Amino acid sequence: MKLVKKLGIATASAVIGITGVSTFSTAQAVQLFDFQYSFPSYEADGTGISASGTLTTTDLDPIKNNYTITGITGTRKAQGITETIIGLLSPGTYGINDNLLNANTSLLTQNGFSYLVSGSGEDGNGNVNVFYSSFNEGYSELSSDVDYGSFTVVPRSVPEPYTVSGSFLALGFGWWMKRKQALASQKKPYKNIWRY
C-alpha cells in the first residue's frame, strides 16, 4: 500500500513538472519593459509631462527587429496631476499608433504607441500618444504643450520556464516529505514514561 502511495505522489509530481514546463513555455514569449519618459513644456513657466510604468510585449520579431506592445501599466503626470494608465489602445486608434517597440536606436516609430489614462490625457478624453520624430530627432507626445524629451526602456527579466517548473517540483517534493514526517510521527507508539 505504501508503494502505491509513493508511486502516486511521484507520478503527480512528474505531471505537475511537465505541465509547468509546457505552461510556462508560452509565457517565455512575453517580454516586459520598464519605461520612463519626460517631456518639457514649450513655455518657460509651464509644467512638463512625465510617465513611467511597464510595457508588456510579444517576443522579438527577428525579421522586423521589433516587439509588439500588448499591454501597459503605470502613471502619467501632467500639470501636477497624476493619472493612472488604464490600458493600451488598439493600433490605429489614436495618433495612427502602431504599438511597436523597436530593438534598435529609435525605440519608437513615428506612429508610436497610444494608451488611455484615468484623467483628461492629451485630448480631454484620456487618450495619449507617444512617438519618435526623425525630423526633430526626439520623442514626444501629440500634445502641443510639450517639447521633445527623453524616453527610455529597460528590459525586465522573466524567469526561465525550467526555473519556474523546478521550483514547483521542489515545493511538491517538500510538501510530500513534510506529510510523510507528519504521518510517521502519528504512528509512533505511546511511551509510558512512568516507572514504578
Protein backbone atom coordinates (compact mmCIF):
# COMPACT_ATOMS: atom_id res chain seq x y z
CA MET A 1 0.00 0.00 0.00
CA LYS A 2 2.87 2.40 0.86
CA LEU A 3 4.47 1.70 -2.52
CA VAL A 4 1.24 2.63 -4.32
CA LYS A 5 1.06 5.94 -2.41
CA LYS A 6 4.69 6.76 -3.20
CA LEU A 7 4.21 5.95 -6.88
CA GLY A 8 1.07 8.09 -6.95
CA ILE A 9 2.87 11.05 -5.41
CA ALA A 10 5.87 10.64 -7.72
CA THR A 11 3.58 10.44 -10.77
CA ALA A 12 1.64 13.53 -9.67
CA SER A 13 4.90 15.45 -9.16
CA ALA A 14 6.13 14.45 -12.61
CA VAL A 15 2.83 15.51 -14.22
CA ILE A 16 2.93 18.88 -12.42
CA GLY A 17 6.53 19.38 -13.54
CA ILE A 18 5.82 18.55 -17.18
CA THR A 19 2.68 20.70 -17.14
CA GLY A 20 4.70 23.54 -15.61
CA VAL A 21 7.27 23.34 -18.39
CA SER A 22 4.64 23.39 -21.14
CA THR A 23 2.55 26.10 -19.45
CA PHE A 24 5.45 28.45 -18.88
CA SER A 25 6.95 27.86 -22.32
CA THR A 26 4.20 30.04 -23.77
CA ALA A 27 4.94 32.66 -21.14
CA GLN A 28 8.51 32.84 -22.42
CA ALA A 29 7.22 34.71 -25.49
CA VAL A 30 6.06 37.59 -23.27
CA GLN A 31 8.61 40.34 -22.63
CA LEU A 32 8.37 43.09 -20.01
CA PHE A 33 9.98 46.51 -20.32
CA ASP A 34 10.03 49.26 -17.70
CA PHE A 35 9.59 52.61 -19.45
CA GLN A 36 10.01 56.21 -18.43
CA TYR A 37 9.72 59.49 -20.28
CA SER A 38 9.84 63.18 -19.55
CA PHE A 39 8.93 65.96 -21.98
CA PRO A 40 9.47 69.63 -21.05
CA SER A 41 6.89 72.33 -21.63
CA TYR A 42 7.21 74.69 -24.61
CA GLU A 43 6.56 77.62 -22.29
CA ALA A 44 9.20 78.73 -19.80
CA ASP A 45 6.77 78.76 -16.88
CA GLY A 46 4.81 75.68 -17.99
CA THR A 47 4.96 72.23 -16.47
CA GLY A 48 6.27 69.25 -18.37
CA ILE A 49 4.76 65.82 -18.78
CA SER A 50 6.23 62.61 -17.44
CA ALA A 51 5.17 58.97 -17.28
CA SER A 52 6.55 55.66 -16.09
CA GLY A 53 5.38 52.07 -15.93
CA THR A 54 5.69 48.69 -17.62
CA LEU A 55 5.12 47.67 -21.23
CA THR A 56 4.12 44.09 -21.98
CA THR A 57 5.19 42.93 -25.44
CA THR A 58 5.40 39.87 -27.62
CA ASP A 59 8.76 38.22 -28.17
CA LEU A 60 11.17 39.93 -30.59
CA ASP A 61 10.21 39.62 -34.26
CA PRO A 62 13.62 38.77 -35.78
CA ILE A 63 12.61 39.87 -39.29
CA LYS A 64 11.24 43.32 -38.38
CA ASN A 65 13.52 43.64 -35.32
CA ASN A 66 10.72 44.91 -33.08
CA TYR A 67 8.30 43.93 -30.34
CA THR A 68 4.53 44.43 -30.49
CA ILE A 69 3.28 46.17 -27.36
CA THR A 70 0.28 44.25 -25.99
CA GLY A 71 -0.25 45.90 -22.59
CA ILE A 72 0.74 48.81 -20.37
CA THR A 73 0.53 49.79 -16.70
CA GLY A 74 1.81 52.83 -14.84
CA THR A 75 1.12 56.51 -14.23
CA ARG A 76 1.35 59.78 -16.15
CA LYS A 77 1.84 63.19 -14.57
CA ALA A 78 0.65 66.31 -16.38
CA GLN A 79 0.16 69.82 -14.94
CA GLY A 80 0.81 68.48 -11.45
CA ILE A 81 -1.94 65.85 -11.71
CA THR A 82 -1.11 62.15 -11.60
CA GLU A 83 -3.25 59.99 -13.89
CA THR A 84 -3.39 56.19 -13.76
CA ILE A 85 -2.70 54.41 -17.04
CA ILE A 86 -5.79 52.26 -17.68
CA GLY A 87 -4.70 50.33 -20.73
CA LEU A 88 -3.28 50.21 -24.24
CA LEU A 89 -5.31 51.49 -27.22
CA SER A 90 -5.61 49.29 -30.32
CA PRO A 91 -3.35 50.11 -33.29
CA GLY A 92 -4.69 52.95 -35.44
CA THR A 93 -6.96 54.22 -32.66
CA TYR A 94 -5.25 57.46 -31.65
CA GLY A 95 -2.42 59.20 -33.48
CA ILE A 96 -2.23 56.40 -36.07
CA ASN A 97 -0.39 54.35 -33.42
CA ASP A 98 1.18 51.03 -34.39
CA ASN A 99 2.18 49.98 -30.83
CA LEU A 100 5.66 48.84 -31.85
CA LEU A 101 8.82 48.94 -29.73
CA ASN A 102 11.99 48.74 -31.81
CA ALA A 103 15.04 46.78 -30.68
CA ASN A 104 17.43 49.35 -32.21
CA THR A 105 18.25 53.03 -31.62
CA SER A 106 14.90 54.75 -32.23
CA LEU A 107 12.82 52.77 -29.76
CA LEU A 108 9.50 54.00 -31.16
CA THR A 109 8.20 54.58 -34.67
CA GLN A 110 6.76 57.89 -35.88
CA ASN A 111 3.32 56.43 -35.06
CA GLY A 112 4.35 55.30 -31.57
CA PHE A 113 2.01 53.72 -29.06
CA SER A 114 -1.22 55.04 -27.55
CA TYR A 115 -2.84 54.45 -24.20
CA LEU A 116 -5.78 55.56 -22.07
CA VAL A 117 -5.46 57.33 -18.70
CA SER A 118 -7.93 57.95 -15.87
CA GLY A 119 -7.71 61.74 -16.35
CA SER A 120 -8.06 64.05 -19.34
CA GLY A 121 -4.95 62.86 -21.23
CA GLU A 122 -3.85 64.88 -24.25
CA ASP A 123 -7.22 65.34 -25.93
CA GLY A 124 -9.54 65.75 -22.93
CA ASN A 125 -10.85 62.18 -23.43
CA GLY A 126 -7.95 60.40 -21.70
CA ASN A 127 -6.03 59.48 -24.88
CA VAL A 128 -2.23 59.75 -25.03
CA ASN A 129 0.20 59.02 -27.90
CA VAL A 130 3.99 58.77 -27.51
CA PHE A 131 6.09 58.73 -30.70
CA TYR A 132 9.52 59.32 -32.23
CA SER A 133 10.17 62.11 -34.73
CA SER A 134 13.11 61.51 -37.07
CA PHE A 135 12.76 65.12 -38.27
CA ASN A 136 13.25 66.53 -34.77
CA GLU A 137 15.26 63.50 -33.64
CA GLY A 138 13.37 63.11 -30.40
CA TYR A 139 10.46 61.62 -28.52
CA SER A 140 7.30 63.46 -27.55
CA GLU A 141 3.54 63.25 -27.07
CA LEU A 142 0.98 64.53 -29.56
CA SER A 143 0.13 67.26 -27.07
CA SER A 144 1.03 70.68 -28.46
CA ASP A 145 2.03 71.81 -24.95
CA VAL A 146 5.25 69.81 -24.73
CA ASP A 147 8.59 69.72 -26.50
CA TYR A 148 10.82 66.75 -27.33
CA GLY A 149 12.48 64.94 -24.44
CA SER A 150 13.80 61.64 -23.16
CA PHE A 151 12.24 58.18 -23.49
CA THR A 152 13.92 55.10 -22.03
CA VAL A 153 13.03 51.43 -21.72
CA VAL A 154 14.79 48.76 -19.67
CA PRO A 155 14.02 45.07 -20.19
CA ARG A 156 12.81 43.25 -17.10
CA SER A 157 13.95 39.66 -16.63
CA VAL A 158 11.28 36.97 -16.88
CA PRO A 159 12.04 33.67 -15.08
CA GLU A 160 13.04 30.79 -17.33
CA PRO A 161 10.33 28.12 -17.67
CA TYR A 162 12.63 25.41 -16.31
CA THR A 163 13.40 27.51 -13.23
CA VAL A 164 9.70 28.01 -12.52
CA SER A 165 8.79 24.36 -13.07
CA GLY A 166 11.80 23.27 -11.00
CA SER A 167 10.53 25.45 -8.18
CA PHE A 168 7.12 23.76 -8.38
CA LEU A 169 8.78 20.35 -8.29
CA ALA A 170 10.84 21.34 -5.26
CA LEU A 171 7.74 22.65 -3.47
CA GLY A 172 5.83 19.46 -4.29
CA PHE A 173 8.66 17.29 -3.02
CA GLY A 174 8.98 19.39 0.16
CA TRP A 175 5.24 19.08 0.82
CA TRP A 176 5.43 15.31 0.29
CA MET A 177 8.36 14.96 2.73
CA LYS A 178 6.60 17.06 5.38
CA ARG A 179 3.45 14.98 5.01
CA LYS A 180 5.49 11.79 5.25
CA GLN A 181 7.09 13.00 8.50
CA ALA A 182 3.72 14.02 9.94
CA LEU A 183 2.26 10.58 9.20
CA ALA A 184 5.29 8.85 10.67
CA SER A 185 5.06 10.85 13.89
CA GLN A 186 1.38 9.92 14.26
CA LYS A 187 2.17 6.21 14.05
CA LYS A 188 4.79 6.21 16.86
CA PRO A 189 3.70 4.06 19.82
CA TYR A 190 2.89 5.80 23.05
CA LYS A 191 5.76 5.56 25.52
CA ASN A 192 4.97 5.06 29.14
CA ILE A 193 7.23 7.47 30.98
CA TRP A 194 6.02 6.42 34.43
CA ARG A 195 8.18 3.97 36.25
CA TYR A 196 7.06 2.10 39.30
